[in-house]
Protein backbone atom coordinates (compact mmCIF):
# COMPACT_ATOMS: atom_id res chain seq x y z
CA MET A 1 75.93 101.39 135.26
CA LYS A 2 72.26 102.11 135.89
CA ILE A 3 69.67 104.69 136.85
CA GLU A 4 67.85 104.12 140.13
CA VAL A 5 64.89 105.67 141.93
CA ASN A 6 65.12 106.31 145.66
CA ASN A 7 62.21 108.13 147.31
CA ASN A 8 61.50 110.19 144.15
CA THR A 9 65.18 111.01 143.81
CA ILE A 10 66.86 109.90 140.55
CA ILE A 11 70.31 108.39 141.04
CA PHE A 12 72.91 107.63 138.36
CA ASN A 13 74.98 104.69 139.61
CA ASN A 14 78.23 104.27 137.66
CA SER A 15 80.62 101.66 139.11
CA ASN A 16 79.21 102.30 142.59
CA LYS A 17 79.77 106.04 142.22
CA LYS A 18 76.34 107.52 142.82
CA THR A 19 75.26 110.93 141.55
CA GLU A 20 71.87 112.54 142.05
CA ILE A 21 70.38 113.88 138.83
CA HIS A 22 68.98 117.38 139.30
CA PRO A 23 65.19 117.53 138.78
CA LEU A 24 65.45 120.60 136.51
CA TRP A 25 68.00 118.74 134.33
CA LEU A 26 65.31 116.11 133.75
CA ARG A 27 62.50 118.66 133.41
CA GLU A 28 64.44 120.39 130.61
CA ARG A 29 64.42 117.13 128.68
CA VAL A 30 60.72 116.35 128.60
CA SER A 31 59.84 115.18 125.08
CA ASN A 32 56.05 115.52 125.06
CA LYS A 33 54.85 117.14 121.84
CA GLU A 34 53.40 120.11 123.73
CA TYR A 35 56.88 120.88 125.13
CA LEU A 36 59.20 119.79 122.30
CA ASP A 37 58.88 120.33 118.56
CA GLN A 38 59.06 116.80 117.18
CA LYS A 39 60.77 117.78 113.91
CA THR A 40 63.46 120.17 115.12
CA GLU A 41 63.79 118.86 118.70
CA GLN A 42 63.70 122.49 119.85
CA ARG A 43 61.96 123.31 123.13
CA LEU A 44 58.57 125.02 123.07
CA PHE A 45 59.23 126.44 126.54
CA ASP A 46 61.99 128.42 128.25
CA PRO A 47 63.60 126.32 131.03
CA SER A 48 65.38 129.37 132.44
CA LEU A 49 61.98 130.58 133.69
CA LEU A 50 61.36 127.44 135.75
CA GLU A 51 61.87 127.62 139.50
CA ASN A 52 61.85 125.17 142.40
CA ILE A 53 61.28 122.15 140.16
CA LYS A 54 60.94 118.91 142.09
CA ILE A 55 59.96 115.34 141.28
CA LYS A 56 56.56 114.46 142.73
CA ASN A 57 56.49 110.83 141.59
CA ALA A 58 59.01 108.51 139.90
CA ILE A 59 58.83 104.93 138.72
CA ILE A 60 60.91 102.72 136.41
CA LYS A 61 59.10 100.31 134.10
CA GLY A 62 61.53 98.23 132.06
CA ASN A 63 63.68 100.69 130.11
CA ILE A 64 61.39 103.64 130.79
CA LEU A 65 61.56 106.21 133.59
CA GLU A 66 58.16 107.79 134.25
CA LEU A 67 58.23 111.12 136.08
CA THR A 68 55.67 113.54 137.42
CA PHE A 69 57.01 116.98 138.31
CA ASN A 70 55.58 119.38 140.87
CA ASP A 71 54.43 121.75 138.11
CA GLY A 72 52.08 119.04 136.84
CA VAL A 73 54.15 117.92 133.85
CA GLN A 74 54.35 114.16 133.26
CA SER A 75 56.91 112.62 130.90
CA ARG A 76 58.63 109.38 129.97
CA PHE A 77 62.41 108.99 129.54
CA HIS A 78 64.36 106.18 127.88
CA LEU A 79 67.01 105.07 130.36
CA ASN A 80 69.61 104.28 127.68
CA LYS A 81 69.26 107.78 126.25
CA LEU A 82 69.68 109.35 129.69
CA LYS A 83 72.74 107.21 130.45
CA SER A 84 74.26 108.04 127.08
CA GLU A 85 73.85 111.77 127.65
CA PHE A 86 75.06 111.60 131.23
CA LEU A 87 78.24 109.86 130.08
CA ASP A 88 78.57 112.22 127.09
CA SER A 89 78.92 109.12 124.92
CA ASN A 90 77.33 110.97 122.00
CA ASN A 91 80.41 113.18 121.89
CA LEU A 92 82.11 112.28 118.61
CA PHE A 93 85.53 112.40 120.19
CA ASN A 94 84.49 109.93 122.87
CA THR A 95 83.24 107.44 120.30
CA VAL A 96 85.87 107.80 117.53
CA LYS A 97 89.27 106.49 118.55
CA VAL A 98 92.02 108.66 117.02
CA ASN A 99 94.84 106.67 115.41
CA LEU A 100 98.11 108.61 115.16
CA TRP A 101 100.30 107.23 112.37
CA ASP A 102 103.70 107.47 110.72
CA SER A 103 105.20 106.07 107.50
CA SER A 104 104.50 102.52 108.69
CA LEU A 105 100.80 103.09 107.99
CA LYS A 106 99.91 99.99 105.99
CA LYS A 107 96.48 100.77 104.63
CA ILE A 108 95.42 104.21 103.41
CA PRO A 109 91.70 104.74 104.16
CA LYS A 110 89.97 104.69 100.76
CA TYR A 111 86.31 104.75 99.73
CA THR A 112 84.57 104.52 96.35
CA PHE A 113 81.98 107.04 95.24
CA LYS A 114 78.64 105.48 94.31
CA LYS A 115 75.04 106.45 93.68
CA ASN A 116 73.32 107.93 96.75
CA PHE A 117 76.76 108.13 98.38
CA PHE A 118 76.13 111.13 100.61
CA GLU A 119 73.43 109.42 102.73
CA SER A 120 75.00 105.96 102.70
CA LYS A 121 76.68 103.76 105.29
CA GLU A 122 79.81 104.25 103.18
CA MET A 123 79.75 107.99 103.92
CA TYR A 124 79.24 107.27 107.62
CA ASN A 125 82.27 104.94 107.65
CA LEU A 126 84.26 107.50 105.64
CA LEU A 127 83.70 110.22 108.23
CA ILE A 128 84.59 107.84 111.07
CA SER A 129 87.87 107.07 109.26
CA PHE A 130 88.50 110.76 108.66
CA TYR A 131 88.41 111.52 112.36
CA LYS A 132 90.45 108.43 113.10
CA TYR A 133 93.31 109.04 110.65
CA GLY A 134 92.91 112.73 109.82
CA PHE A 135 92.41 111.98 106.12
CA VAL A 136 90.60 109.78 103.60
CA ILE A 137 90.71 109.30 99.84
CA ILE A 138 87.49 108.96 97.84
CA LYS A 139 87.83 107.36 94.41
CA ASN A 140 85.76 107.40 91.23
CA LEU A 141 84.29 110.91 91.54
CA PRO A 142 83.14 112.79 88.43
CA THR A 143 85.85 115.11 87.11
CA LYS A 144 83.62 117.70 85.41
CA ASN A 145 81.52 120.73 86.36
CA ASN A 146 83.48 121.60 89.52
CA PHE A 147 82.15 118.53 91.31
CA ILE A 148 84.22 119.42 94.39
CA VAL A 149 81.63 122.10 95.19
CA ASN A 150 78.86 119.49 95.12
CA PHE A 151 80.89 117.12 97.30
CA ALA A 152 81.80 119.78 99.87
CA ASN A 153 78.26 121.11 100.13
CA SER A 154 76.92 117.58 100.61
CA ILE A 155 78.87 117.45 103.88
CA GLY A 156 78.34 121.04 104.97
CA THR A 157 79.13 124.39 103.44
CA ILE A 158 82.25 125.58 101.63
CA ARG A 159 84.21 128.25 103.46
CA PRO A 160 85.47 130.75 100.85
CA THR A 161 88.95 132.21 101.25
CA ASN A 162 91.00 134.84 99.43
CA PHE A 163 91.43 132.20 96.71
CA GLY A 164 87.65 132.02 96.20
CA GLU A 165 84.99 129.41 96.84
CA PHE A 166 87.32 126.85 95.30
CA PHE A 167 90.71 127.07 93.63
CA ASN A 168 92.54 125.38 90.77
CA VAL A 169 95.92 123.85 91.53
CA LYS A 170 98.07 123.80 88.40
CA SER A 171 101.19 125.42 87.08
CA VAL A 172 100.39 128.93 85.82
CA PRO A 173 102.43 132.01 84.79
CA ASN A 174 102.99 134.65 87.51
CA PRO A 175 101.45 132.64 90.37
CA ASN A 176 100.44 134.32 93.66
CA ASP A 177 101.29 131.13 95.56
CA LEU A 178 103.94 128.44 95.04
CA ALA A 179 101.14 125.85 94.95
CA TYR A 180 100.46 127.10 91.41
CA THR A 181 103.88 126.03 90.15
CA SER A 182 105.49 122.69 89.36
CA LEU A 183 107.97 123.03 92.26
CA SER A 184 108.11 120.55 95.11
CA LEU A 185 106.28 121.65 98.25
CA SER A 186 107.59 120.52 101.62
CA PRO A 187 105.04 119.42 104.25
CA HIS A 188 102.99 122.40 105.43
CA THR A 189 99.59 123.41 106.74
CA ASP A 190 97.41 125.66 104.63
CA ASN A 191 96.41 129.26 105.34
CA PRO A 192 97.99 129.71 108.81
CA TYR A 193 97.60 133.45 108.16
CA ARG A 194 93.78 133.29 108.22
CA LYS A 195 91.45 133.92 111.19
CA PRO A 196 90.41 131.24 111.82
CA VAL A 197 92.67 128.82 110.00
CA PRO A 198 90.61 126.60 107.62
CA CYS A 199 89.84 123.26 109.26
CA ILE A 200 89.38 120.69 106.49
CA GLN A 201 90.83 120.77 102.99
CA LEU A 202 89.50 118.90 99.97
CA LEU A 203 91.69 118.28 96.90
CA HIS A 204 90.08 116.71 93.84
CA CYS A 205 92.29 115.38 91.06
CA ILE A 206 90.91 116.28 87.62
CA GLU A 207 93.94 115.43 85.45
CA ASN A 208 97.33 113.91 86.18
CA GLU A 209 99.50 113.00 83.18
CA VAL A 210 102.91 113.58 84.79
CA SER A 211 105.26 111.02 86.30
CA GLY A 212 106.03 113.19 89.34
CA GLY A 213 103.74 115.32 91.45
CA PHE A 214 103.18 112.74 94.18
CA SER A 215 101.11 113.89 97.17
CA THR A 216 102.68 113.68 100.63
CA LEU A 217 101.06 113.63 104.07
CA VAL A 218 102.42 113.79 107.62
CA ASP A 219 100.50 113.29 110.86
CA GLY A 220 101.53 116.43 112.74
CA PHE A 221 100.11 115.11 116.01
CA LYS A 222 102.25 111.98 115.76
CA VAL A 223 105.34 114.12 115.20
CA ALA A 224 104.44 116.42 118.10
CA GLN A 225 103.94 113.38 120.35
CA TYR A 226 107.33 112.01 119.31
CA LEU A 227 109.01 115.40 119.89
CA LYS A 228 107.46 115.69 123.35
CA LYS A 229 108.89 112.30 124.27
CA THR A 230 112.37 112.74 122.77
CA LYS A 231 112.97 116.50 123.05
CA PRO A 232 110.65 117.92 125.73
CA ASP A 233 112.44 121.29 125.79
CA PHE A 234 111.91 121.66 122.03
CA PHE A 235 108.27 120.64 122.38
CA LYS A 236 107.69 123.13 125.18
CA ILE A 237 109.08 126.17 123.40
CA LEU A 238 107.17 125.34 120.21
CA THR A 239 103.95 125.41 122.26
CA LYS A 240 104.82 128.75 123.90
CA ILE A 241 106.17 131.04 121.16
CA LYS A 242 103.58 132.56 118.85
CA VAL A 243 104.76 133.05 115.28
CA LYS A 244 103.21 135.53 112.85
CA PHE A 245 102.11 134.14 109.49
CA LYS A 246 101.60 136.57 106.63
CA PHE A 247 100.22 136.35 103.09
CA THR A 248 100.64 139.27 100.68
CA ASP A 249 98.80 139.65 97.38
CA LYS A 250 98.00 142.57 95.12
CA LYS A 251 94.76 143.47 96.92
CA VAL A 252 95.04 141.85 100.35
CA VAL A 253 97.47 141.34 103.23
CA LEU A 254 96.43 138.60 105.69
CA GLU A 255 98.05 138.02 109.07
CA ASN A 256 97.50 135.69 112.02
CA ASP A 257 99.71 134.31 114.76
CA GLY A 258 99.94 131.13 116.78
CA PRO A 259 102.38 128.51 118.07
CA LEU A 260 103.66 125.75 115.81
CA ILE A 261 102.13 123.30 118.30
CA GLU A 262 98.96 124.46 120.03
CA LEU A 263 97.53 122.76 123.12
CA ASP A 264 94.01 122.98 124.52
CA GLU A 265 93.05 123.83 128.10
CA ASN A 266 93.80 120.22 129.13
CA ASN A 267 97.26 120.29 127.47
CA ASN A 268 96.12 117.95 124.72
CA LEU A 269 97.17 118.54 121.12
CA LYS A 270 94.78 120.94 119.41
CA GLN A 271 96.48 122.20 116.24
CA VAL A 272 99.77 122.29 114.39
CA ARG A 273 100.94 125.10 112.12
CA PHE A 274 103.86 124.96 109.76
CA SER A 275 104.66 126.98 106.68
CA THR A 276 108.27 128.10 106.40
CA ARG A 277 107.46 130.28 103.38
CA LEU A 278 105.11 132.45 105.41
CA ASP A 279 106.29 132.57 109.04
CA PHE A 280 107.93 135.45 110.92
CA VAL A 281 109.45 134.59 114.30
CA PRO A 282 109.15 137.41 116.88
CA LEU A 283 112.23 139.22 118.16
CA LEU A 284 113.18 137.54 121.43
CA LYS A 285 116.30 137.30 123.57
CA LYS A 286 119.12 135.62 121.72
CA ASP A 287 119.31 132.52 123.96
CA LYS A 288 115.56 131.96 123.66
CA LEU A 289 115.69 132.34 119.90
CA GLU A 290 118.65 129.97 119.78
CA LEU A 291 116.54 127.27 121.44
CA TYR A 292 113.52 128.10 119.30
CA TYR A 293 115.42 127.85 116.02
CA LYS A 294 116.90 124.50 117.08
CA ALA A 295 113.41 123.27 117.93
CA ARG A 296 111.96 124.49 114.62
CA LYS A 297 114.81 122.84 112.72
CA LYS A 298 114.18 119.59 114.55
CA ILE A 299 110.45 119.52 113.88
CA SER A 300 111.06 120.45 110.25
CA ASP A 301 113.48 117.54 109.91
CA LEU A 302 110.87 115.22 111.42
CA TYR A 303 108.12 116.46 109.10
CA ASN A 304 110.36 115.87 106.09
CA SER A 305 111.77 112.53 107.23
CA ASN A 306 110.86 109.16 105.79
CA LYS A 307 109.96 108.07 109.32
CA PHE A 308 106.75 110.13 109.32
CA LYS A 309 105.91 110.99 105.70
CA ILE A 310 103.73 108.93 103.36
CA GLU A 311 103.63 109.43 99.60
CA PHE A 312 101.04 108.48 96.98
CA LYS A 313 99.76 109.60 93.62
CA LEU A 314 96.30 111.04 93.15
CA MET A 315 94.65 109.87 89.93
CA PRO A 316 91.78 111.52 88.03
CA GLY A 317 88.59 111.06 90.05
CA ASP A 318 90.42 110.81 93.40
CA LEU A 319 89.52 113.26 96.18
CA LEU A 320 91.73 113.75 99.22
CA MET A 321 89.97 115.01 102.36
CA MET A 322 92.39 116.03 105.13
CA ASP A 323 92.42 117.72 108.53
CA ASN A 324 94.38 120.95 108.10
CA HIS A 325 94.78 121.40 111.87
CA ARG A 326 96.35 117.95 112.32
CA LEU A 327 98.02 116.95 109.05
CA LEU A 328 100.69 118.54 106.90
CA HIS A 329 100.61 118.00 103.16
CA GLY A 330 102.96 118.61 100.25
CA ARG A 331 103.97 117.26 96.87
CA THR A 332 106.99 116.22 94.91
CA SER A 333 108.06 118.28 91.89
CA TYR A 334 106.95 117.43 88.38
CA ASN A 335 107.74 118.33 84.79
CA PRO A 336 104.82 120.28 83.24
CA ASN A 337 106.15 119.45 79.79
CA GLU A 338 105.10 115.81 80.35
CA GLY A 339 101.42 116.73 80.44
CA LYS A 340 98.71 118.21 82.62
CA ARG A 341 98.40 118.06 86.41
CA TYR A 342 95.21 119.71 87.54
CA LEU A 343 93.58 119.58 90.97
CA GLN A 344 90.72 121.58 92.46
CA GLY A 345 90.62 122.46 96.15
CA CYS A 346 88.35 124.02 98.75
CA TYR A 347 87.82 124.19 102.51
CA ILE A 348 85.03 123.29 104.92
CA ASP A 349 84.73 123.72 108.68
CA TYR A 350 84.70 121.04 111.38
CA ASP A 351 81.07 121.62 112.25
CA SER A 352 80.21 120.59 108.67
CA SER A 353 81.75 117.13 108.93
CA GLU A 354 80.74 116.72 112.58
CA GLY A 355 77.15 117.66 111.79
CA LYS A 356 77.03 115.23 108.88
CA LEU A 357 78.48 112.46 111.02
CA ARG A 358 75.95 113.05 113.81
CA HIS A 359 73.16 113.00 111.23
CA LEU A 360 74.33 109.68 109.77
CA LYS A 361 75.01 108.28 113.23
CA ARG A 362 71.25 108.32 113.89
CA SER A 363 70.76 105.89 111.03
CA PHE A 364 73.82 103.65 111.11
CA ASP A 365 75.21 103.53 114.66
CA TYR A 366 73.22 100.74 116.24
């Protein structure tokens, strides 16, 4: 894999597959201080106004490509940087290997909060693990002054919902959501009725004096992969039928729709949705609904099975960060008469964690 010069033409040679690099593509990337702001890395010129750009002279010296363009601009390019961009190797999802898991997962990814944590190698490793497993647990966080807000905003920016900037998870009288009871909650994804559905959820344990109330997690992508292999007709209909999800409160009614398993344009898994307390299946022909209900029953059984579900107890100071588009979460029931169980939660978007990871990658990925 190398970059070559042939008669002022720049060639990218990857396993003997040769591709000419367009001169304007290179001209857009000149890094001279008169063309690129050195702090923001924003261009000081508009490349869409450039026409008929050609390379007048090209030479490689060690790891540097020196170019002179026909508009008089001269610039130097690091070959490794060009190769990295050409291969899109800076794409997070090309560099982080996703690990789908089931109940055989031996080691839960855990990290310990320390001084200067948010700019540390520990935070970098934490975010890598988050994208690998879809969740991480951070231990030893302060449990006062709504620290979850500080933690979330250190990664990006909190996305407020109808529950506010953050919400308190504990048993209360007259709750507007079953999360605010002591009942067990089967595996589900949060807020499927919102547009868009929140990406990442944070849950910070403040108090936990009860013997029950264990947290549960399921890798929805692992289940979907298993369903596709064992029951392809079930998998297919769950990717095709859009279900309406609805949340009703005193002052708001929220609705959104989507399939229980959503695929991207390349038919790869993109998102799972599941909340049997909030879903409304559309009126379809009876035989189609018959298949759909069988498929929904099957995936529900898988989500709730010991084959795919893991269970653990969050202790005061623990924070669970989880991918709400990939994972389902729940809890076992508990007896509020035993003592307090108090968690705080909030949501952030993917660009928050991705942006933080790219920032830290500049310092620690070497």
